[in-house]
């Protein structure tokens, strides 16, 4: 529990001189508080620390703090070099040569080498769809010397730098070679990176809080911070992630000054926040998040396409989004490319109907041969929207005769369980709810939720070879108009086999104390550099 200065003063006044605190000690306490930022990120509790082994945003934000990247996206979503100093492309556009910048070192003091980068790229490419495409077209990925490595291709891949810089999780974080030599199916637990923060293992309190200290040896780039690119300058000594599952409790802590940042404030308290002279709302992800159901293609009933198509007709997007969000913060989404992309389209979206169509869903389950199999819905009780939407989903399925059962846990439990490919009787699952930033859906090469390559796909493991052949062409077409046509073909096929099912779109603000400034706004990810307390 965090004890505010206000509470200490009150305790001291009631207990008399025995609890009095010298003014010099108060000054030191205040100085330490100014150099420490406490955050409730709103992304659930951190259970998995390896940002390659999971696509969970809470783990990606952990990775963003302690690891670094070869390239980063600026505020215009253009790739910029980060760990890379210079890079060149051969005349035939088949060999890329990268040289690392000076001053890169691991938290244990060892220098970052090209061998670390090569091993990290290979491991990340096991699970990232863009990386998978790159490796399929690569002739060789190897180090040239300690600071130089190359990616040699069998054929040109003009999208290569975009693939390396993409921020759709899992992102390409660079790890030590000995860590990156671990298969992507096994978790790395060392938490030693080369990034602007160090993970404080001694102060780790699983389930309660995690602490990140400024990496005093980190050498930032000279460019100003711009999105996730530029200089990662840490302006505080310590950032603490507090895990407060209850929204009202976290909000009270924000009001009391016991935390500085709250990533998911209660939406019914937004007017209170606006009227509080010490608090401020800020929209970090202006494009919003698109929420969807992931269905398990490996197990009944969703191994049958008719059952998956039934879910498209069952969902009333407005009803689901209103379980948490006021009407002004929600909208409908029907394109797999989101709502804000030039590739968004209305191909094969006839299934969408205001209010849904439960009778059609019931008929499709019947056509699928559904015979009462248990449908397990993973329900994270510490993420309000997913918790509420999971309950509505279970009720909606039961109304049409589906044997739906909720599996409550915290978000960490969902992240752990969704990797289980087994039957529900053996700890498996049928449905879970997740989201992507609307921005990330514009790139089917880099977004793992848009892959349908079976065992190599994201949880749910959709599999459609014809669609995958179209997705692979995304990196080959050269004009926007060609990509628009390809997008329509991909979407037509995607909604036929139903890779996922949309619940709707939300845009919502974070809340922070006004003394906390410099919070960088980017889709989904939360960088902790550049922030400071006035």
Protein backbone atom coordinates (compact mmCIF):
# COMPACT_ATOMS: atom_id res chain seq x y z
CA UNK A 1 0.00 0.00 0.00
CA UNK A 2 1.25 3.51 -0.82
CA UNK A 3 1.10 5.94 2.13
CA UNK A 4 0.76 9.52 1.02
CA UNK A 5 2.46 12.41 2.77
CA UNK A 6 -1.01 13.67 3.68
CA UNK A 7 -1.68 10.46 5.61
CA UNK A 8 1.70 10.58 7.31
CA UNK A 9 1.10 14.16 8.47
CA UNK A 10 -2.33 13.20 9.80
CA UNK A 11 -0.85 10.21 11.64
CA UNK A 12 1.91 12.37 13.08
CA UNK A 13 -0.54 14.98 14.33
CA UNK A 14 -2.62 12.41 16.16
CA UNK A 15 0.30 10.51 17.65
CA UNK A 16 2.20 13.53 18.92
CA UNK A 17 5.90 14.31 18.94
CA UNK A 18 6.90 10.65 18.87
CA UNK A 19 5.96 10.54 15.20
CA UNK A 20 7.27 13.97 14.23
CA UNK A 21 9.52 13.96 11.18
CA UNK A 22 12.47 16.40 10.82
CA UNK A 23 12.08 18.97 8.05
CA UNK A 24 15.31 17.79 6.40
CA UNK A 25 13.89 14.28 6.11
CA UNK A 26 10.68 15.69 4.64
CA UNK A 27 12.76 17.55 2.06
CA UNK A 28 14.55 14.34 1.10
CA UNK A 29 11.23 12.48 0.92
CA UNK A 30 9.74 15.16 -1.33
CA UNK A 31 12.82 15.10 -3.59
CA UNK A 32 12.63 11.32 -3.90
CA UNK A 33 8.90 11.54 -4.68
CA UNK A 34 9.60 14.06 -7.45
CA UNK A 35 12.01 11.61 -9.03
CA UNK A 36 9.63 8.64 -8.79
CA UNK A 37 6.57 8.12 -10.98
CA UNK A 38 3.88 5.66 -9.94
CA UNK A 39 1.59 4.30 -12.66
CA UNK A 40 -1.40 2.02 -12.95
CA UNK A 41 -1.14 1.26 -16.65
CA UNK A 42 -4.58 -0.32 -17.02
CA UNK A 43 -3.19 -3.16 -19.12
CA UNK A 44 -3.56 -5.85 -16.47
CA UNK A 45 -0.88 -7.42 -14.30
CA UNK A 46 2.52 -8.40 -15.67
CA UNK A 47 2.93 -12.18 -15.61
CA UNK A 48 4.98 -12.88 -18.74
CA UNK A 49 8.21 -10.87 -19.02
CA UNK A 50 9.37 -12.05 -22.43
CA UNK A 51 7.95 -9.68 -25.10
CA UNK A 52 8.69 -12.16 -27.91
CA UNK A 53 6.80 -15.06 -26.34
CA UNK A 54 3.53 -13.12 -26.08
CA UNK A 55 1.71 -10.31 -27.89
CA UNK A 56 0.25 -8.91 -24.63
CA UNK A 57 0.64 -5.13 -24.52
CA UNK A 58 1.55 -5.10 -20.83
CA UNK A 59 4.56 -7.30 -21.69
CA UNK A 60 5.38 -5.16 -24.74
CA UNK A 61 5.48 -2.08 -22.49
CA UNK A 62 7.83 -3.92 -20.15
CA UNK A 63 9.98 -4.68 -23.20
CA UNK A 64 9.83 -1.07 -24.32
CA UNK A 65 11.34 -0.01 -20.99
CA UNK A 66 14.24 -2.43 -20.69
CA UNK A 67 15.08 -3.36 -24.30
CA UNK A 68 15.92 -1.30 -27.36
CA UNK A 69 14.99 -1.68 -31.03
CA UNK A 70 16.88 -1.47 -34.31
CA UNK A 71 14.34 0.99 -35.73
CA UNK A 72 11.44 2.90 -34.18
CA UNK A 73 8.37 4.65 -35.55
CA UNK A 74 8.10 8.41 -35.20
CA UNK A 75 4.83 10.28 -34.57
CA UNK A 76 4.04 10.11 -38.32
CA UNK A 77 4.55 6.31 -38.20
CA UNK A 78 7.70 6.55 -40.33
CA UNK A 79 10.58 4.18 -39.44
CA UNK A 80 13.69 5.85 -38.00
CA UNK A 81 17.00 4.26 -36.95
CA UNK A 82 17.33 3.63 -33.21
CA UNK A 83 20.13 1.18 -32.35
CA UNK A 84 21.24 1.37 -35.98
CA UNK A 85 23.70 4.15 -36.87
CA UNK A 86 23.71 3.66 -40.64
CA UNK A 87 22.32 1.16 -43.13
CA UNK A 88 22.79 0.60 -46.85
CA UNK A 89 21.14 -1.46 -49.60
CA UNK A 90 23.00 -3.15 -52.45
CA UNK A 91 22.37 -2.16 -56.05
CA UNK A 92 20.17 -5.20 -56.68
CA UNK A 93 18.10 -4.41 -53.53
CA UNK A 94 18.84 -7.82 -52.07
CA UNK A 95 21.46 -7.17 -49.38
CA UNK A 96 20.91 -4.82 -46.43
CA UNK A 97 23.90 -3.91 -44.28
CA UNK A 98 23.38 -2.42 -40.80
CA UNK A 99 25.95 -0.81 -38.51
CA UNK A 100 25.19 -0.31 -34.82
CA UNK A 101 25.70 3.09 -33.20
CA UNK A 102 28.31 3.73 -30.51
CA UNK A 103 27.56 3.50 -26.80
CA UNK A 104 25.21 0.49 -26.78
CA UNK A 105 25.69 -1.76 -23.75
CA UNK A 106 23.73 -4.33 -21.79
CA UNK A 107 22.60 -3.68 -18.25
CA UNK A 108 25.34 -6.04 -17.05
CA UNK A 109 27.97 -3.84 -18.73
CA UNK A 110 28.77 -5.99 -21.76
CA UNK A 111 28.67 -4.31 -25.19
CA UNK A 112 25.80 -4.95 -27.60
CA UNK A 113 27.07 -6.81 -30.67
CA UNK A 114 25.86 -7.69 -34.13
CA UNK A 115 25.60 -11.31 -32.99
CA UNK A 116 22.99 -10.23 -30.42
CA UNK A 117 21.00 -8.57 -33.19
CA UNK A 118 21.14 -11.56 -35.52
CA UNK A 119 19.99 -13.97 -32.80
CA UNK A 120 17.19 -11.57 -31.76
CA UNK A 121 15.94 -11.16 -35.33
CA UNK A 122 15.86 -14.91 -35.84
CA UNK A 123 13.95 -15.54 -32.60
CA UNK A 124 11.43 -12.73 -33.22
CA UNK A 125 10.87 -14.02 -36.77
CA UNK A 126 9.62 -17.32 -35.35
CA UNK A 127 6.45 -15.60 -34.09
CA UNK A 128 6.01 -12.30 -35.95
CA UNK A 129 4.24 -12.62 -39.33
CA UNK A 130 6.42 -9.94 -40.94
CA UNK A 131 9.50 -11.69 -39.62
CA UNK A 132 8.25 -15.01 -40.95
CA UNK A 133 7.86 -13.48 -44.41
CA UNK A 134 11.34 -11.95 -44.21
CA UNK A 135 12.98 -15.23 -43.18
CA UNK A 136 11.16 -17.11 -45.96
CA UNK A 137 12.75 -14.72 -48.46
CA UNK A 138 16.14 -14.48 -46.75
CA UNK A 139 19.23 -16.21 -48.04
CA UNK A 140 21.24 -15.33 -44.95
CA UNK A 141 21.13 -13.22 -41.77
CA UNK A 142 24.59 -12.97 -40.30
CA UNK A 143 27.11 -10.75 -38.55
CA UNK A 144 29.89 -9.13 -40.55
CA UNK A 145 31.86 -7.86 -37.55
CA UNK A 146 31.05 -6.93 -33.95
CA UNK A 147 29.04 -3.87 -34.98
CA UNK A 148 27.81 -4.84 -38.45
CA UNK A 149 25.30 -7.43 -39.68
CA UNK A 150 23.58 -8.15 -42.98
CA UNK A 151 20.25 -9.47 -44.22
CA UNK A 152 20.71 -11.06 -47.64
CA UNK A 153 17.51 -11.78 -49.57
CA UNK A 154 16.70 -14.19 -52.38
CA UNK A 155 14.52 -11.49 -53.93
CA UNK A 156 13.90 -7.79 -53.17
CA UNK A 157 11.63 -6.96 -50.22
CA UNK A 158 11.01 -3.23 -50.28
CA UNK A 159 8.98 -3.50 -47.07
CA UNK A 160 11.96 -4.76 -45.04
CA UNK A 161 12.65 -1.65 -42.91
CA UNK A 162 8.92 -1.27 -42.20
CA UNK A 163 8.84 -4.89 -41.03
CA UNK A 164 11.78 -4.34 -38.66
CA UNK A 165 10.23 -1.13 -37.26
CA UNK A 166 6.64 -2.31 -36.93
CA UNK A 167 5.05 -1.79 -33.49
CA UNK A 168 2.36 -4.47 -33.75
CA UNK A 169 3.23 -6.95 -31.00
CA UNK A 170 5.39 -8.94 -30.68
CA UNK A 171 7.84 -6.16 -31.54
CA UNK A 172 11.48 -6.71 -32.48
CA UNK A 173 13.26 -6.07 -29.16
CA UNK A 174 16.98 -6.82 -29.18
CA UNK A 175 18.16 -9.29 -26.53
CA UNK A 176 21.52 -10.72 -25.58
CA UNK A 177 22.58 -13.54 -27.88
CA UNK A 178 22.43 -16.11 -25.07
CA UNK A 179 18.84 -15.09 -24.29
CA UNK A 180 17.79 -14.83 -27.92
CA UNK A 181 19.10 -18.35 -28.51
CA UNK A 182 16.11 -19.58 -26.47
CA UNK A 183 13.28 -20.86 -28.71
CA UNK A 184 10.41 -18.39 -28.99
CA UNK A 185 8.15 -21.04 -27.44
CA UNK A 186 10.17 -20.81 -24.20
CA UNK A 187 10.21 -17.70 -22.03
CA UNK A 188 13.31 -15.62 -21.37
CA UNK A 189 13.30 -14.53 -17.72
CA UNK A 190 16.60 -12.66 -17.28
CA UNK A 191 15.17 -9.14 -17.88
CA UNK A 192 18.58 -7.82 -18.90
CA UNK A 193 18.32 -5.45 -21.82
CA UNK A 194 20.15 -2.41 -23.16
CA UNK A 195 17.22 0.01 -22.93
CA UNK A 196 16.72 3.25 -20.97
CA UNK A 197 15.37 1.49 -17.86
CA UNK A 198 16.62 -1.39 -15.72
CA UNK A 199 14.20 -3.86 -14.20
CA UNK A 200 14.65 -3.83 -10.41
CA UNK A 201 14.38 -7.50 -9.52
CA UNK A 202 14.97 -6.86 -5.81
CA UNK A 203 11.88 -4.65 -5.60
CA UNK A 204 9.64 -6.86 -7.76
CA UNK A 205 6.38 -7.64 -5.97
CA UNK A 206 4.42 -9.95 -8.30
CA UNK A 207 0.74 -9.14 -8.15
CA UNK A 208 1.44 -5.82 -6.39
CA UNK A 209 4.10 -3.75 -8.15
CA UNK A 210 7.15 -3.76 -10.41
CA UNK A 211 9.93 -1.18 -10.34
CA UNK A 212 12.04 0.25 -13.18
CA UNK A 213 15.15 2.35 -12.50
CA UNK A 214 16.83 4.79 -14.83
CA UNK A 215 19.71 3.17 -16.72
CA UNK A 216 22.49 5.62 -15.93
CA UNK A 217 24.68 4.12 -18.65
CA UNK A 218 22.15 4.44 -21.45
CA UNK A 219 23.30 6.67 -24.32
CA UNK A 220 20.26 8.20 -26.06
CA UNK A 221 20.21 9.31 -29.66
CA UNK A 222 20.78 13.02 -30.21
CA UNK A 223 17.48 13.65 -32.04
CA UNK A 224 14.51 14.95 -30.00
CA UNK A 225 11.96 12.38 -28.86
CA UNK A 226 9.35 11.88 -31.59
CA UNK A 227 6.84 9.08 -31.10
CA UNK A 228 8.92 6.01 -30.29
CA UNK A 229 11.90 7.42 -32.22
CA UNK A 230 14.58 9.94 -31.30
CA UNK A 231 16.36 10.34 -27.98
CA UNK A 232 15.03 8.17 -25.17
CA UNK A 233 15.91 10.56 -22.36
CA UNK A 234 14.84 9.39 -18.90
CA UNK A 235 14.02 12.39 -16.72
CA UNK A 236 13.06 10.54 -13.52
CA UNK A 237 15.00 8.09 -11.36
CA UNK A 238 12.33 5.44 -10.96
CA UNK A 239 8.98 4.32 -12.39
CA UNK A 240 6.77 1.96 -10.38
CA UNK A 241 3.90 -0.01 -11.92
CA UNK A 242 1.27 -0.55 -9.24
CA UNK A 243 -1.20 -3.35 -9.87
CA UNK A 244 -4.55 -2.06 -8.57
CA UNK A 245 -7.25 -4.22 -10.13
CA UNK A 246 -10.25 -2.24 -8.88
CA UNK A 247 -10.86 0.88 -11.00
CA UNK A 248 -12.42 2.93 -8.21
CA UNK A 249 -9.57 2.14 -5.84
CA UNK A 250 -7.02 3.17 -8.49
CA UNK A 251 -8.99 6.33 -9.23
CA UNK A 252 -9.03 7.23 -5.53
CA UNK A 253 -5.25 6.73 -5.45
CA UNK A 254 -4.90 9.12 -8.42
CA UNK A 255 -7.04 11.75 -6.70
CA UNK A 256 -5.01 11.42 -3.51
CA UNK A 257 -1.72 11.80 -5.37
CA UNK A 258 -0.62 8.27 -4.48
CA UNK A 259 -0.23 7.43 -8.16
CA UNK A 260 0.58 9.81 -11.01
CA UNK A 261 -0.95 8.02 -14.00
CA UNK A 262 -3.99 5.81 -14.58
CA UNK A 263 -4.34 4.14 -17.96
CA UNK A 264 -8.02 3.15 -17.69
CA UNK A 265 -9.94 5.62 -15.52
CA UNK A 266 -13.63 4.84 -14.87
CA UNK A 267 -15.54 6.46 -17.71
CA UNK A 268 -18.30 7.55 -15.35
CA UNK A 269 -15.70 9.66 -13.54
CA UNK A 270 -14.45 11.63 -16.56
CA UNK A 271 -16.45 14.71 -15.58
CA UNK A 272 -14.95 14.51 -12.08
CA UNK A 273 -11.46 14.36 -13.57
CA UNK A 274 -12.16 17.34 -15.83
CA UNK A 275 -13.27 19.42 -12.85
CA UNK A 276 -10.31 18.46 -10.65
CA UNK A 277 -7.62 21.20 -10.85
CA UNK A 278 -4.88 18.61 -10.20
CA UNK A 279 -5.91 16.07 -12.87
CA UNK A 280 -5.94 15.97 -16.65
CA UNK A 281 -7.27 13.66 -19.35
CA UNK A 282 -5.11 12.77 -22.36
CA UNK A 283 -5.89 10.63 -25.41
CA UNK A 284 -2.68 8.78 -26.22
CA UNK A 285 -4.07 6.49 -28.93
CA UNK A 286 -6.05 8.87 -31.11
CA UNK A 287 -6.98 6.16 -33.61
CA UNK A 288 -8.55 4.04 -30.90
CA UNK A 289 -8.65 0.29 -30.30
CA UNK A 290 -10.57 -2.33 -32.27
CA UNK A 291 -11.88 -5.14 -30.04
CA UNK A 292 -12.45 -8.68 -31.27
CA UNK A 293 -13.10 -12.29 -30.30
CA UNK A 294 -10.40 -14.87 -30.95
CA UNK A 295 -11.96 -18.28 -31.66
CA UNK A 296 -10.11 -21.57 -31.19
CA UNK A 297 -9.91 -23.18 -34.65
CA UNK A 298 -8.44 -26.38 -33.20
CA UNK A 299 -11.32 -27.44 -30.95
CA UNK A 300 -15.09 -27.92 -31.20
CA UNK A 301 -17.28 -26.10 -31.98
CA UNK A 302 -15.14 -23.49 -33.73
CA UNK A 303 -13.18 -25.98 -35.78
CA UNK A 304 -16.29 -25.76 -37.98
CA UNK A 305 -16.56 -22.65 -40.17
CA UNK A 306 -20.34 -22.51 -39.74
CA UNK A 307 -19.92 -22.05 -35.98
CA UNK A 308 -17.42 -19.25 -36.59
CA UNK A 309 -19.79 -17.59 -39.05
CA UNK A 310 -22.52 -17.84 -36.43
CA UNK A 311 -20.48 -15.56 -34.16
CA UNK A 312 -20.41 -12.83 -36.83
CA UNK A 313 -24.22 -12.77 -36.78
CA UNK A 314 -24.54 -13.07 -33.00
CA UNK A 315 -22.63 -9.91 -32.10
CA UNK A 316 -24.45 -6.62 -31.52
CA UNK A 317 -21.45 -4.27 -31.54
CA UNK A 318 -23.30 -1.36 -29.96
CA UNK A 319 -24.54 -3.50 -27.05
CA UNK A 320 -21.09 -4.96 -26.39
CA UNK A 321 -19.26 -1.63 -26.46
CA UNK A 322 -21.85 0.01 -24.20
CA UNK A 323 -21.06 -2.49 -21.43
CA UNK A 324 -18.18 -0.12 -20.61
CA UNK A 325 -18.05 2.90 -22.89
CA UNK A 326 -20.41 5.88 -23.31
CA UNK A 327 -21.81 6.28 -26.85
CA UNK A 328 -19.45 9.15 -27.72
CA UNK A 329 -16.43 6.85 -27.25
CA UNK A 330 -17.53 3.95 -29.47
CA UNK A 331 -18.13 3.14 -33.13
CA UNK A 332 -18.65 0.18 -35.43
CA UNK A 333 -15.82 -1.60 -37.23
CA UNK A 334 -16.36 -4.16 -40.00
CA UNK A 335 -13.15 -3.99 -42.07
CA UNK A 336 -10.17 -6.15 -41.11
CA UNK A 337 -8.07 -3.08 -42.00
CA UNK A 338 -9.78 -1.01 -39.30
CA UNK A 339 -11.57 2.30 -39.79
CA UNK A 340 -8.77 4.80 -40.36
CA UNK A 341 -6.74 3.18 -43.12
CA UNK A 342 -6.86 3.86 -46.85
CA UNK A 343 -7.28 0.08 -47.15
CA UNK A 344 -10.47 -0.04 -45.04
CA UNK A 345 -13.33 -1.36 -47.18
CA UNK A 346 -16.83 -2.89 -47.06
CA UNK A 347 -16.12 -6.12 -48.93
CA UNK A 348 -18.11 -9.15 -47.67
CA UNK A 349 -19.61 -7.33 -44.66
CA UNK A 350 -23.23 -8.29 -45.27
CA UNK A 351 -23.18 -10.21 -41.98
CA UNK A 352 -23.18 -6.92 -40.06
CA UNK A 353 -26.61 -5.90 -38.83
CA UNK A 354 -27.59 -3.39 -36.17
CA UNK A 355 -28.62 -5.43 -33.15
CA UNK A 356 -27.09 -8.60 -34.58
CA UNK A 357 -29.10 -11.56 -35.82
CA UNK A 358 -29.34 -14.21 -33.05
CA UNK A 359 -31.73 -16.41 -35.03
CA UNK A 360 -29.30 -16.62 -37.94
CA UNK A 361 -26.51 -17.41 -35.46
CA UNK A 362 -28.65 -20.19 -33.93
CA UNK A 363 -29.31 -21.67 -37.38
CA UNK A 364 -25.60 -21.64 -38.28
CA UNK A 365 -24.67 -23.44 -35.04
CA UNK A 366 -27.26 -26.06 -36.00
CA UNK A 367 -25.73 -26.38 -39.49
CA UNK A 368 -22.32 -26.77 -37.84
CA UNK A 369 -23.61 -29.87 -36.03
CA UNK A 370 -23.28 -28.26 -32.61
CA UNK A 371 -24.34 -30.79 -29.99
CA UNK A 372 -23.87 -29.10 -26.64
CA UNK A 373 -20.07 -28.96 -26.44
CA UNK A 374 -18.86 -26.68 -23.67
CA UNK A 375 -17.67 -23.26 -24.87
CA UNK A 376 -15.12 -21.79 -22.45
CA UNK A 377 -14.77 -18.00 -22.46
CA UNK A 378 -11.60 -16.65 -20.80
CA UNK A 379 -12.74 -13.79 -18.53
CA UNK A 380 -10.12 -11.39 -17.10
CA UNK A 381 -11.89 -9.84 -14.12
CA UNK A 382 -9.31 -7.06 -13.74
CA UNK A 383 -9.88 -5.51 -17.18
CA UNK A 384 -13.32 -3.89 -16.97
CA UNK A 385 -14.41 -3.91 -20.60
CA UNK A 386 -13.30 -7.46 -21.32
CA UNK A 387 -14.82 -8.63 -18.04
CA UNK A 388 -18.18 -7.05 -18.90
CA UNK A 389 -18.12 -8.11 -22.55
CA UNK A 390 -17.26 -11.71 -21.60
CA UNK A 391 -20.34 -11.88 -19.39
CA UNK A 392 -22.58 -10.48 -22.14
CA UNK A 393 -21.06 -12.93 -24.62
CA UNK A 394 -21.81 -15.89 -22.35
CA UNK A 395 -25.39 -14.69 -21.88
CA UNK A 396 -25.85 -14.16 -25.64
CA UNK A 397 -24.59 -17.66 -26.43
CA UNK A 398 -26.80 -19.26 -23.79
CA UNK A 399 -29.85 -17.54 -25.26
CA UNK A 400 -29.35 -19.41 -28.54
CA UNK A 401 -28.71 -22.74 -26.82
CA UNK A 402 -24.92 -22.79 -26.62
CA UNK A 403 -23.36 -24.30 -23.48
CA UNK A 404 -21.20 -21.27 -22.59
CA UNK A 405 -19.12 -21.14 -19.42
CA UNK A 406 -16.94 -18.33 -18.09
CA UNK A 407 -13.40 -19.02 -16.86
CA UNK A 408 -12.61 -16.07 -14.55
CA UNK A 409 -9.03 -15.10 -13.73
CA UNK A 410 -6.86 -12.01 -13.88
CA UNK A 411 -5.36 -10.97 -17.23
CA UNK A 412 -2.13 -12.80 -16.43
CA UNK A 413 -4.13 -16.00 -16.16
CA UNK A 414 -5.65 -15.39 -19.60
CA UNK A 415 -2.21 -14.77 -21.13
CA UNK A 416 -0.95 -18.04 -19.66
CA UNK A 417 -4.00 -20.16 -20.56
CA UNK A 418 -4.59 -18.98 -24.12
CA UNK A 419 -1.38 -20.73 -25.25
CA UNK A 420 -2.97 -24.11 -24.40
CA UNK A 421 -4.01 -25.86 -27.61
CA UNK A 422 -5.76 -28.70 -25.82
CA UNK A 423 -9.43 -29.45 -25.29
CA UNK A 424 -11.35 -27.43 -22.72
CA UNK A 425 -11.39 -30.51 -20.46
CA UNK A 426 -7.59 -30.31 -20.42
CA UNK A 427 -7.27 -26.62 -19.60
CA UNK A 428 -7.93 -25.34 -23.11
CA UNK A 429 -10.33 -22.62 -24.18
CA UNK A 430 -12.83 -21.61 -26.85
CA UNK A 431 -12.95 -17.79 -26.94
CA UNK A 432 -11.06 -14.83 -25.52
CA UNK A 433 -11.33 -11.10 -26.15
CA UNK A 434 -8.43 -8.92 -27.25
CA UNK A 435 -7.78 -5.73 -29.20
CA UNK A 436 -5.43 -4.03 -31.64
CA UNK A 437 -4.84 -0.37 -32.23
CA UNK A 438 -6.82 0.71 -35.27
CA UNK A 439 -3.52 1.86 -36.79
CA UNK A 440 -1.89 -1.58 -36.56
CA UNK A 441 -4.63 -3.25 -38.62
CA UNK A 442 -3.49 -1.28 -41.67
CA UNK A 443 -0.46 -3.58 -41.97
CA UNK A 444 -1.38 -7.26 -42.50
CA UNK A 445 2.29 -8.19 -42.84
CA UNK A 446 3.22 -6.95 -39.37
CA UNK A 447 0.00 -7.59 -37.44
CA UNK A 448 -0.12 -11.08 -35.99
CA UNK A 449 -3.91 -11.05 -35.56
CA UNK A 450 -4.31 -10.88 -39.37
CA UNK A 451 -2.23 -14.01 -40.01
CA UNK A 452 -3.94 -17.31 -40.82
CA UNK A 453 -0.97 -19.67 -41.07
CA UNK A 454 -2.06 -22.37 -38.64
CA UNK A 455 0.46 -23.28 -35.95
CA UNK A 456 2.49 -20.16 -36.78
CA UNK A 457 -0.55 -17.91 -36.35
CA UNK A 458 -1.59 -16.15 -33.15
CA UNK A 459 -3.72 -17.80 -30.46
CA UNK A 460 -6.75 -19.40 -32.06
CA UNK A 461 -4.47 -20.67 -34.83
CA UNK A 462 -6.62 -19.83 -37.91
CA UNK A 463 -5.50 -21.64 -41.04
CA UNK A 464 -6.27 -20.66 -44.64
CA UNK A 465 -3.58 -21.16 -47.27
CA UNK A 466 -5.35 -19.23 -50.03
CA UNK A 467 -5.69 -16.16 -47.81
CA UNK A 468 -2.06 -16.49 -46.73
CA UNK A 469 -0.92 -16.46 -50.37
CA UNK A 470 -2.75 -13.15 -50.80
CA UNK A 471 -1.29 -11.73 -47.57
CA UNK A 472 2.23 -12.60 -48.76
CA UNK A 473 1.67 -10.43 -51.85
CA UNK A 474 1.21 -7.33 -49.66
CA UNK A 475 4.96 -6.74 -49.63
CA UNK A 476 5.21 -7.14 -53.40
CA UNK A 477 2.59 -4.73 -54.77
CA UNK A 478 3.98 -1.27 -55.36
CA UNK A 479 1.06 1.16 -55.52
CA UNK A 480 -1.69 2.12 -53.09
CA UNK A 481 -4.33 1.29 -55.68
CA UNK A 482 -2.93 -2.23 -56.10
CA UNK A 483 -2.95 -2.68 -52.32
CA UNK A 484 -6.55 -1.45 -52.11
CA UNK A 485 -7.61 -4.13 -54.57
CA UNK A 486 -5.59 -6.76 -52.72
CA UNK A 487 -7.17 -5.61 -49.43
CA UNK A 488 -10.65 -6.26 -50.80
CA UNK A 489 -9.70 -9.76 -51.92
CA UNK A 490 -8.14 -10.52 -48.55
CA UNK A 491 -11.13 -9.22 -46.64
CA UNK A 492 -13.59 -11.17 -48.77
CA UNK A 493 -11.76 -14.37 -47.93
CA UNK A 494 -11.12 -13.47 -44.25
CA UNK A 495 -14.83 -13.04 -43.49
CA UNK A 496 -15.59 -16.33 -45.24
CA UNK A 497 -13.36 -18.36 -42.90
CA UNK A 498 -13.76 -15.84 -40.01
CA UNK A 499 -10.26 -15.22 -38.66
CA UNK A 500 -11.74 -13.27 -35.73
CA UNK A 501 -15.00 -11.49 -34.85
CA UNK A 502 -15.20 -7.75 -34.17
CA UNK A 503 -16.93 -6.37 -31.06
CA UNK A 504 -16.45 -2.70 -31.99
CA UNK A 505 -14.10 0.26 -31.62
CA UNK A 506 -13.33 2.49 -28.63
CA UNK A 507 -11.39 5.68 -28.09
CA UNK A 508 -10.75 6.53 -24.46
CA UNK A 509 -8.42 8.80 -22.50
CA UNK A 510 -5.88 8.13 -19.78
CA UNK A 511 -5.83 10.23 -16.62
CA UNK A 512 -2.77 11.77 -15.03
CA UNK A 513 -1.86 14.33 -12.45
CA UNK A 514 -1.00 17.64 -14.08
CA UNK A 515 2.44 17.59 -12.50
CA UNK A 516 3.27 14.60 -14.70
CA UNK A 517 4.25 15.88 -18.14
CA UNK A 518 5.89 14.59 -21.31
CA UNK A 519 3.79 11.42 -21.73
CA UNK A 520 4.22 10.33 -25.35
CA UNK A 521 1.10 9.32 -27.24
CA UNK A 522 1.36 6.32 -29.57
CA UNK A 523 -1.03 3.47 -30.42
CA UNK A 524 -1.20 0.79 -27.71
CA UNK A 525 2.37 1.17 -26.40
CA UNK A 526 3.33 3.34 -23.42
CA UNK A 527 6.93 4.66 -23.47
CA UNK A 528 8.17 5.84 -20.07
CA UNK A 529 11.08 7.99 -21.22
CA UNK A 530 10.54 11.76 -21.61
CA UNK A 531 8.09 11.92 -18.66
CA UNK A 532 8.84 14.13 -15.68
CA UNK A 533 7.20 15.49 -12.55
CA UNK A 534 7.11 19.25 -12.15
